[in-house]
Amino acid sequence: MRSQTKSVRQSVSLPSSLATRVRHLAEKRKASANRVLVDLIEAGLRSKDAEKEYFFSLTSQLVQSTDPAERRRIKKELARITFGAQ
């Protein structure tokens, strides 16, 4: 269970299509739209943190690698993460 911390009221305007999706998720989960928004934000922040850790892991592998093929593969993956390149 989450530890209770002081909540801060924030106001956010959502595009109507996004608000509809949030309401549908809330109904499906039998939760409030606010709870769904908090869960989605937390998941997004965790995802960003994991992406950053993966990036740093790849840079470490790149520095340590002496295999040219492996270095090319890592560089391509870093480019994909950074620039969305294929």
Protein backbone atom coordinates (compact mmCIF):
# COMPACT_ATOMS: atom_id res chain seq x y z
CA MET A 1 0.00 0.00 0.00
CA ARG A 2 1.25 3.50 -0.78
CA SER A 3 2.41 5.67 2.05
CA GLN A 4 0.18 8.69 2.45
CA THR A 5 1.81 11.99 1.61
CA LYS A 6 0.25 15.38 1.47
CA SER A 7 -1.68 15.85 -1.74
CA VAL A 8 -1.40 19.00 -3.79
CA ARG A 9 -4.38 20.11 -5.83
CA GLN A 10 -3.50 20.74 -9.46
CA SER A 11 -5.68 21.82 -12.30
CA VAL A 12 -5.14 20.40 -15.75
CA SER A 13 -7.10 20.78 -18.96
CA LEU A 14 -7.34 17.63 -21.04
CA PRO A 15 -8.35 17.35 -24.67
CA SER A 16 -11.86 15.92 -24.76
CA SER A 17 -10.74 12.68 -26.42
CA LEU A 18 -8.19 12.09 -23.67
CA ALA A 19 -10.69 12.97 -20.94
CA THR A 20 -13.09 10.43 -22.43
CA ARG A 21 -10.42 7.74 -22.35
CA VAL A 22 -9.60 8.56 -18.73
CA ARG A 23 -13.28 8.36 -17.75
CA HIS A 24 -13.63 5.00 -19.49
CA LEU A 25 -10.55 3.67 -17.68
CA ALA A 26 -11.96 4.95 -14.40
CA GLU A 27 -15.28 3.20 -14.99
CA LYS A 28 -13.52 -0.01 -15.96
CA ARG A 29 -11.31 0.08 -12.84
CA LYS A 30 -14.14 1.28 -10.63
CA ALA A 31 -11.95 4.21 -9.59
CA SER A 32 -12.12 7.96 -9.82
CA ALA A 33 -10.78 9.80 -12.83
CA ASN A 34 -8.33 11.52 -10.47
CA ARG A 35 -7.00 8.14 -9.30
CA VAL A 36 -6.56 7.03 -12.91
CA LEU A 37 -4.70 10.23 -13.77
CA VAL A 38 -2.36 9.81 -10.80
CA ASP A 39 -1.70 6.17 -11.75
CA LEU A 40 -1.01 7.13 -15.37
CA ILE A 41 1.36 9.92 -14.35
CA GLU A 42 3.21 7.62 -11.94
CA ALA A 43 3.53 4.95 -14.63
CA GLY A 44 4.80 7.53 -17.11
CA LEU A 45 7.41 8.80 -14.66
CA ARG A 46 8.57 5.24 -13.91
CA SER A 47 8.80 4.59 -17.64
CA LYS A 48 10.91 7.72 -18.17
CA ASP A 49 13.22 6.71 -15.31
CA ALA A 50 13.59 3.20 -16.77
CA GLU A 51 14.32 4.65 -20.21
CA LYS A 52 17.03 6.86 -18.73
CA GLU A 53 18.60 3.89 -16.89
CA TYR A 54 18.55 1.85 -20.11
CA PHE A 55 20.24 4.71 -21.96
CA PHE A 56 23.02 4.93 -19.37
CA SER A 57 23.41 1.16 -19.39
CA LEU A 58 23.87 1.23 -23.16
CA THR A 59 26.42 4.05 -22.97
CA SER A 60 28.37 2.04 -20.42
CA GLN A 61 28.27 -1.02 -22.70
CA LEU A 62 29.42 1.12 -25.63
CA VAL A 63 32.43 2.41 -23.71
CA GLN A 64 33.41 -1.11 -22.61
CA SER A 65 32.83 -2.88 -25.93
CA THR A 66 35.72 -3.60 -28.28
CA ASP A 67 33.67 -5.53 -30.84
CA PRO A 68 32.90 -3.28 -33.86
CA ALA A 69 29.60 -5.04 -34.63
CA GLU A 70 28.44 -4.73 -31.03
CA ARG A 71 29.44 -1.04 -30.97
CA ARG A 72 27.41 -0.41 -34.17
CA ARG A 73 24.39 -2.18 -32.68
CA ILE A 74 24.61 -0.13 -29.48
CA LYS A 75 25.04 3.12 -31.42
CA LYS A 76 21.96 2.32 -33.49
CA GLU A 77 19.96 1.62 -30.34
CA LEU A 78 21.15 4.86 -28.74
CA ALA A 79 20.19 6.77 -31.88
CA ARG A 80 16.76 5.13 -31.85
CA ILE A 81 16.21 6.09 -28.23
CA THR A 82 17.47 9.63 -28.69
CA PHE A 83 16.15 10.56 -32.11
CA GLY A 84 13.56 7.90 -32.91
CA ALA A 85 15.80 6.83 -35.81
CA GLN A 86 15.34 3.44 -37.37
